[in-house]
């Protein structure tokens, strides 16, 4: 992350809480949710997703939190949709 941006949200509101609300509304279990992020403001997603994927050029905190570091977010998202991670050779 560049740390040159500021975000202002209401207390208790985050990308993670929005993801949790959406998943609950759609009745999608946490295990079936993947979140993709690249900066510290994405860290809250990890608590509400079965898998948190960070881009290889992400902030140090996002990389440390990631379940997987992706060379390409679009390619990793496609692998997710197809149901396999070729690098690991197992279902997501």
Protein backbone atom coordinates (compact mmCIF):
# COMPACT_ATOMS: atom_id res chain seq x y z
CA UNK A 1 0.00 0.00 0.00
CA UNK A 2 0.98 3.54 -0.63
CA UNK A 3 -0.46 4.87 2.62
CA UNK A 4 -1.41 8.05 0.75
CA UNK A 5 -5.15 7.60 1.04
CA UNK A 6 -7.54 8.17 3.90
CA UNK A 7 -10.79 6.32 4.51
CA UNK A 8 -13.55 7.48 6.79
CA UNK A 9 -16.35 5.14 7.81
CA UNK A 10 -18.90 4.91 10.56
CA UNK A 11 -17.83 3.15 13.73
CA UNK A 12 -18.04 -0.63 13.29
CA UNK A 13 -18.33 -0.44 9.50
CA UNK A 14 -15.65 -1.99 7.30
CA UNK A 15 -15.23 -3.95 4.11
CA UNK A 16 -15.38 -7.06 6.28
CA UNK A 17 -18.67 -6.13 7.93
CA UNK A 18 -20.16 -5.36 4.51
CA UNK A 19 -18.98 -8.75 3.23
CA UNK A 20 -20.47 -10.48 6.26
CA UNK A 21 -23.80 -8.72 5.77
CA UNK A 22 -23.93 -9.62 2.09
CA UNK A 23 -22.96 -13.24 2.68
CA UNK A 24 -25.59 -13.57 5.41
CA UNK A 25 -28.26 -12.00 3.20
CA UNK A 26 -27.38 -14.37 0.34
CA UNK A 27 -27.05 -17.33 2.74
CA UNK A 28 -23.49 -18.05 1.61
CA UNK A 29 -21.44 -19.86 4.27
CA UNK A 30 -18.08 -18.38 5.25
CA UNK A 31 -16.29 -21.42 3.85
CA UNK A 32 -17.63 -20.58 0.37
CA UNK A 33 -16.45 -16.96 0.46
CA UNK A 34 -13.12 -15.77 -0.94
CA UNK A 35 -11.96 -12.20 -0.50
CA UNK A 36 -9.23 -10.46 -2.44
CA UNK A 37 -7.27 -7.52 -1.10
CA UNK A 38 -4.05 -5.61 -1.39
CA UNK A 39 -3.88 -3.11 1.46
CA UNK A 40 -4.41 -2.68 5.18
CA UNK A 41 -8.00 -1.53 4.63
CA UNK A 42 -8.76 -5.03 3.30
CA UNK A 43 -7.65 -6.91 6.42
CA UNK A 44 -11.16 -6.95 7.90
CA UNK A 45 -12.25 -9.15 4.99
CA UNK A 46 -10.23 -12.08 6.35
CA UNK A 47 -12.51 -12.56 9.35
CA UNK A 48 -15.54 -13.01 7.11
CA UNK A 49 -14.07 -15.10 4.30
CA UNK A 50 -13.05 -18.72 4.13
CA UNK A 51 -10.02 -17.66 2.13
CA UNK A 52 -8.19 -14.31 1.89
CA UNK A 53 -6.03 -13.79 -1.19
CA UNK A 54 -3.56 -10.93 -1.54
CA UNK A 55 -1.87 -9.71 -4.68
CA UNK A 56 1.91 -10.17 -4.70
CA UNK A 57 2.42 -6.38 -4.58
CA UNK A 58 0.22 -5.94 -1.49
CA UNK A 59 1.06 -4.16 1.74
CA UNK A 60 3.18 -6.14 4.22
CA UNK A 61 0.18 -6.56 6.53
CA UNK A 62 -2.04 -7.90 3.73
CA UNK A 63 0.68 -10.33 2.64
CA UNK A 64 1.10 -11.56 6.22
CA UNK A 65 -2.66 -12.11 6.60
CA UNK A 66 -3.12 -13.83 3.24
CA UNK A 67 -4.02 -17.49 2.95
CA UNK A 68 -2.63 -17.26 -0.57
CA UNK A 69 -0.49 -14.71 -2.40
CA UNK A 70 -1.47 -14.41 -6.04
CA UNK A 71 0.65 -13.39 -9.00
CA UNK A 72 -2.55 -12.43 -10.77
CA UNK A 73 -5.82 -11.68 -8.99
CA UNK A 74 -7.94 -12.29 -12.15
CA UNK A 75 -6.26 -15.65 -12.79
CA UNK A 76 -6.63 -16.68 -9.15
CA UNK A 77 -10.30 -15.65 -9.18
CA UNK A 78 -10.83 -17.79 -12.29
CA UNK A 79 -9.16 -20.76 -10.60
CA UNK A 80 -11.48 -20.22 -7.66
CA UNK A 81 -14.54 -20.21 -9.92
CA UNK A 82 -13.35 -23.39 -11.65
CA UNK A 83 -12.90 -25.04 -8.26
CA UNK A 84 -9.19 -25.81 -8.26
CA UNK A 85 -5.92 -24.16 -7.52
CA UNK A 86 -3.53 -25.62 -10.08
CA UNK A 87 -0.47 -24.66 -8.05
CA UNK A 88 -1.67 -26.60 -5.01
CA UNK A 89 -3.62 -29.16 -7.03
CA UNK A 90 -6.55 -29.26 -4.63
CA UNK A 91 -10.01 -27.75 -4.31
CA UNK A 92 -10.25 -24.35 -2.75
